[in-house]
N, C-alpha and C. Protein backbone atom coordinates (compact mmCIF):
# COMPACT_ATOMS: atom_id res chain seq x y z
N MET A 1 19.83 -10.25 13.49
CA MET A 1 19.85 -9.55 14.60
C MET A 1 20.91 -10.25 15.72
N GLU A 2 21.36 -9.49 16.52
CA GLU A 2 22.60 -9.97 17.34
C GLU A 2 22.14 -10.98 18.32
N GLN A 3 22.80 -11.86 18.46
CA GLN A 3 22.27 -13.10 19.73
C GLN A 3 22.14 -12.21 20.99
N SER A 4 22.94 -11.11 21.36
CA SER A 4 22.98 -10.68 22.69
C SER A 4 21.49 -9.84 22.73
N LYS A 5 20.88 -9.51 21.78
CA LYS A 5 19.48 -8.54 21.93
C LYS A 5 18.54 -9.75 21.95
N ILE A 6 18.72 -10.68 21.21
CA ILE A 6 17.99 -11.96 21.23
C ILE A 6 17.54 -12.31 22.60
N ALA A 7 18.85 -12.39 23.43
CA ALA A 7 18.63 -13.24 24.67
C ALA A 7 18.29 -12.17 25.78
N ARG A 8 18.46 -10.43 25.33
CA ARG A 8 17.70 -9.67 26.13
C ARG A 8 16.19 -9.66 25.95
N LEU A 9 15.72 -9.74 24.90
CA LEU A 9 14.18 -9.85 24.47
C LEU A 9 13.51 -11.48 25.28
N ASN A 10 14.59 -12.37 24.94
CA ASN A 10 14.01 -13.48 25.96
C ASN A 10 14.11 -13.14 27.30
N GLN A 11 15.02 -12.48 28.09
CA GLN A 11 14.75 -12.24 29.12
C GLN A 11 13.62 -11.09 29.66
N LEU A 12 13.35 -10.31 29.01
CA LEU A 12 12.34 -9.62 29.22
C LEU A 12 10.94 -10.28 28.99
N ALA A 13 10.74 -11.13 27.99
CA ALA A 13 9.77 -11.79 28.30
C ALA A 13 9.43 -12.83 29.23
N ARG A 14 10.58 -13.40 29.71
CA ARG A 14 10.38 -14.22 31.02
C ARG A 14 9.95 -13.46 32.20
N LYS A 15 10.74 -12.07 32.07
CA LYS A 15 10.08 -11.51 33.24
C LYS A 15 8.74 -10.90 33.11
N ALA A 16 8.17 -10.71 31.87
CA ALA A 16 7.09 -10.40 31.69
C ALA A 16 5.96 -11.20 32.32
N LYS A 17 6.20 -12.60 32.25
CA LYS A 17 5.41 -13.67 32.48
C LYS A 17 5.11 -13.87 33.86
N ASN A 18 6.28 -13.42 34.62
CA ASN A 18 6.24 -13.58 35.92
C ASN A 18 5.96 -12.40 36.84
N GLU A 19 6.19 -11.17 36.49
CA GLU A 19 5.97 -9.94 37.02
C GLU A 19 5.91 -8.84 35.96
N THR A 20 5.58 -7.76 36.46
CA THR A 20 5.36 -6.32 35.66
C THR A 20 6.75 -5.76 35.17
N LEU A 21 6.66 -5.43 34.00
CA LEU A 21 7.89 -4.83 33.37
C LEU A 21 7.65 -3.17 33.68
N SER A 22 8.88 -2.58 33.81
CA SER A 22 8.87 -1.17 33.87
C SER A 22 8.53 -0.68 32.84
N PRO A 23 7.73 0.76 32.67
CA PRO A 23 7.76 1.45 31.39
C PRO A 23 8.79 1.39 30.35
N SER A 24 10.02 1.47 30.97
CA SER A 24 11.18 1.46 30.23
C SER A 24 11.50 -0.04 29.41
N GLU A 25 11.31 -0.88 30.34
CA GLU A 25 11.41 -2.30 29.66
C GLU A 25 10.59 -2.81 28.99
N THR A 26 9.46 -2.23 28.97
CA THR A 26 8.45 -2.62 28.02
C THR A 26 8.68 -2.05 26.85
N GLU A 27 8.79 -0.75 27.05
CA GLU A 27 9.58 0.14 25.67
C GLU A 27 10.70 -0.74 24.97
N GLU A 28 11.63 -1.13 25.74
CA GLU A 28 12.67 -1.70 25.54
C GLU A 28 12.06 -3.08 24.47
N ARG A 29 11.32 -3.74 25.10
CA ARG A 29 10.93 -5.02 24.55
C ARG A 29 10.16 -4.85 23.42
N ASP A 30 9.63 -3.79 23.21
CA ASP A 30 8.58 -3.43 21.92
C ASP A 30 9.73 -3.22 20.88
N VAL A 31 10.63 -2.60 21.25
CA VAL A 31 11.48 -1.99 20.48
C VAL A 31 12.48 -3.21 19.71
N LEU A 32 12.72 -4.23 20.37
CA LEU A 32 13.39 -5.36 20.43
C LEU A 32 12.49 -6.37 19.45
N ARG A 33 11.44 -6.40 19.76
CA ARG A 33 10.30 -7.23 19.13
C ARG A 33 9.97 -6.57 17.54
N LYS A 34 10.05 -5.31 17.33
CA LYS A 34 10.00 -4.97 16.04
C LYS A 34 11.14 -5.54 15.16
N GLU A 35 12.49 -5.07 16.15
CA GLU A 35 13.43 -5.44 15.31
C GLU A 35 13.84 -6.76 15.10
N TYR A 36 13.02 -7.79 15.64
CA TYR A 36 13.28 -9.15 15.77
C TYR A 36 12.49 -9.75 14.67
N ILE A 37 11.27 -9.15 14.29
CA ILE A 37 10.31 -9.20 13.34
C ILE A 37 10.70 -8.81 12.05
N GLU A 38 11.34 -8.02 11.92
CA GLU A 38 11.90 -7.26 10.60
C GLU A 38 12.99 -8.22 10.02
N SER A 39 13.88 -8.63 11.37
CA SER A 39 15.01 -9.43 10.93
C SER A 39 14.51 -10.87 9.96
N PHE A 40 13.67 -11.35 11.02
CA PHE A 40 12.75 -12.65 10.38
C PHE A 40 12.30 -12.31 9.17
N LYS A 41 11.46 -11.32 8.85
CA LYS A 41 11.03 -11.03 7.91
C LYS A 41 11.89 -11.13 6.72
N THR A 42 13.16 -10.08 6.80
CA THR A 42 14.02 -10.09 5.57
C THR A 42 15.03 -11.63 5.62
N GLY A 43 15.00 -12.36 6.65
CA GLY A 43 15.71 -13.64 6.15
C GLY A 43 14.43 -14.50 5.57
N LEU A 44 13.58 -14.23 5.60
CA LEU A 44 12.31 -15.41 4.96
C LEU A 44 12.21 -14.90 3.60
N LYS A 45 12.19 -13.46 3.57
CA LYS A 45 12.15 -13.04 2.13
C LYS A 45 13.38 -13.50 1.30
N SER A 46 14.61 -13.40 1.62
CA SER A 46 15.60 -13.95 1.52
C SER A 46 15.61 -15.23 0.78
N THR A 47 15.24 -16.29 1.80
CA THR A 47 15.35 -17.68 1.22
C THR A 47 14.26 -17.90 0.27
N LEU A 48 13.13 -17.09 0.36
CA LEU A 48 11.94 -17.59 -0.70
C LEU A 48 12.56 -16.95 -1.92
N GLU A 49 13.25 -15.62 -2.10
CA GLU A 49 13.97 -15.56 -3.46
C GLU A 49 14.80 -16.68 -3.81
N ARG A 50 15.32 -17.64 -3.05
CA ARG A 50 16.22 -18.36 -3.56
C ARG A 50 15.60 -19.80 -4.17
N VAL A 51 14.17 -20.04 -3.53
CA VAL A 51 13.72 -21.14 -3.89
C VAL A 51 13.26 -21.33 -5.50
N ARG A 52 13.32 -22.53 -5.93
CA ARG A 52 13.03 -22.49 -7.03
C ARG A 52 12.22 -24.13 -7.41
N ILE A 53 11.63 -24.26 -7.98
CA ILE A 53 10.48 -25.13 -8.35
C ILE A 53 11.08 -25.90 -9.79
N GLN A 54 11.05 -27.46 -9.45
CA GLN A 54 11.85 -28.03 -10.45
C GLN A 54 10.78 -28.76 -11.08
N GLU A 55 10.44 -28.39 -12.65
CA GLU A 55 9.47 -28.74 -13.40
C GLU A 55 9.76 -29.91 -13.88
N ALA A 56 8.76 -30.69 -14.45
CA ALA A 56 8.80 -32.01 -15.21
C ALA A 56 10.18 -32.35 -15.90
N ASP A 57 10.30 -31.25 -16.63
CA ASP A 57 11.41 -31.42 -17.63
C ASP A 57 12.84 -31.14 -17.01
N GLY A 58 12.99 -30.78 -15.81
CA GLY A 58 14.19 -30.37 -15.13
C GLY A 58 14.59 -29.25 -15.02
N SER A 59 13.64 -28.16 -15.72
CA SER A 59 14.04 -26.84 -15.47
C SER A 59 13.87 -26.11 -13.89
N LEU A 60 14.13 -25.43 -13.89
CA LEU A 60 13.79 -24.78 -12.44
C LEU A 60 13.46 -23.53 -12.59
N THR A 61 12.33 -23.28 -11.55
CA THR A 61 11.23 -21.84 -11.98
C THR A 61 11.31 -21.37 -10.65
N PRO A 62 11.50 -20.01 -10.50
CA PRO A 62 11.79 -19.36 -9.27
C PRO A 62 10.21 -19.21 -8.92
N LEU A 63 9.89 -19.13 -7.71
CA LEU A 63 8.72 -18.64 -7.13
C LEU A 63 7.90 -17.30 -7.69
N LYS A 64 6.69 -17.39 -7.65
CA LYS A 64 5.99 -16.17 -8.25
C LYS A 64 5.13 -15.79 -7.17
N LYS A 65 5.33 -14.15 -7.24
CA LYS A 65 4.28 -13.75 -5.93
C LYS A 65 2.53 -13.72 -6.52
N ARG A 66 1.86 -14.23 -5.45
CA ARG A 66 0.48 -14.05 -5.82
C ARG A 66 -0.09 -12.94 -6.08
N THR A 67 -1.00 -13.01 -7.13
CA THR A 67 -1.72 -11.90 -7.28
C THR A 67 -3.07 -11.57 -7.23
N LYS A 68 -3.87 -12.86 -6.98
CA LYS A 68 -4.90 -13.12 -6.37
C LYS A 68 -4.95 -14.39 -5.42
N PRO A 69 -6.43 -14.34 -4.97
CA PRO A 69 -6.54 -15.07 -3.99
C PRO A 69 -6.26 -16.83 -4.50
N HIS A 70 -5.72 -17.60 -3.52
CA HIS A 70 -5.32 -18.86 -3.97
C HIS A 70 -6.43 -19.76 -4.15
N HIS A 71 -7.68 -19.55 -3.67
CA HIS A 71 -8.80 -20.21 -3.86
C HIS A 71 -10.13 -19.32 -3.53
N HIS A 72 -11.21 -19.98 -4.03
CA HIS A 72 -12.44 -19.50 -3.81
C HIS A 72 -12.91 -19.78 -2.53
N HIS A 73 -13.84 -18.86 -2.08
CA HIS A 73 -14.37 -19.40 -0.52
C HIS A 73 -15.60 -19.77 -0.55
N HIS A 74 -16.21 -20.75 0.25
CA HIS A 74 -17.39 -21.36 0.16
C HIS A 74 -17.82 -21.42 1.24
N GLU A 75 -19.13 -21.64 1.62
CA GLU A 75 -20.20 -21.78 2.78
C GLU A 75 -19.14 -22.52 3.92
N ASN A 76 -18.38 -23.76 3.72
CA ASN A 76 -17.59 -24.34 4.80
C ASN A 76 -16.06 -24.17 4.65
N CYS A 77 -15.55 -23.03 3.91
CA CYS A 77 -14.35 -22.79 3.78
C CYS A 77 -13.92 -22.74 5.05
N SER A 78 -12.32 -23.18 5.45
CA SER A 78 -11.92 -23.34 6.73
C SER A 78 -10.56 -22.50 6.87
N CYS A 79 -10.57 -21.67 5.70
CA CYS A 79 -9.29 -20.80 5.78
C CYS A 79 -9.02 -19.57 6.68
N GLY A 80 -10.42 -19.21 7.22
CA GLY A 80 -10.01 -18.45 8.38
C GLY A 80 -10.40 -16.94 8.05
N CYS A 81 -10.19 -16.72 6.39
CA CYS A 81 -10.67 -15.29 6.06
C CYS A 81 -11.88 -14.89 6.16
N CYS A 82 -12.76 -15.75 5.76
CA CYS A 82 -14.37 -15.43 6.14
C CYS A 82 -14.71 -14.98 7.66
N ARG A 83 -14.10 -16.03 8.52
CA ARG A 83 -14.41 -15.59 9.87
C ARG A 83 -13.75 -14.41 10.35
N ARG A 84 -12.48 -13.77 10.13
CA ARG A 84 -11.94 -12.63 10.47
C ARG A 84 -12.84 -11.66 9.93
N GLU A 85 -13.12 -11.68 8.52
CA GLU A 85 -14.11 -10.55 7.78
C GLU A 85 -15.36 -10.32 8.77
N GLU A 86 -16.28 -11.73 9.16
CA GLU A 86 -17.05 -11.52 9.89
C GLU A 86 -16.77 -10.85 11.21
N GLU A 87 -15.99 -11.27 12.12
CA GLU A 87 -15.60 -10.62 13.27
C GLU A 87 -15.10 -9.08 13.28
N GLU A 88 -14.95 -8.62 12.05
CA GLU A 88 -14.50 -7.09 12.02
C GLU A 88 -15.51 -6.24 11.76
N THR A 89 -16.69 -6.93 11.04
CA THR A 89 -17.90 -6.08 10.86
C THR A 89 -18.76 -6.22 11.90
N PRO A 90 -19.11 -4.73 12.24
CA PRO A 90 -19.63 -4.55 13.32
C PRO A 90 -21.37 -5.20 12.98
N LYS A 91 -21.78 -5.94 14.16
CA LYS A 91 -22.96 -6.52 14.20
C LYS A 91 -23.97 -5.36 14.45
N GLN A 92 -25.35 -5.35 13.87
CA GLN A 92 -26.23 -4.28 14.59
C GLN A 92 -27.39 -4.83 14.80
């Protein structure tokens, strides 16, 4: 993302903290945010694709995508997944 767009996004964010944005400014900010997030994701994916794990024998192994949860949840699990599920479930 271009530096000028990042500067504009920061300018709109600062303005939003101190006063109300006009509808056109709010729309502009939302578009810039989406573009910034997509740019960040693309950069992160690119970086992760280049990461290699050095094995004990010295060989390099690329990272693999996780296909299943990395752990099993238990009663005192602090990962936050359980709490999010509880919050999303309507209480009757």
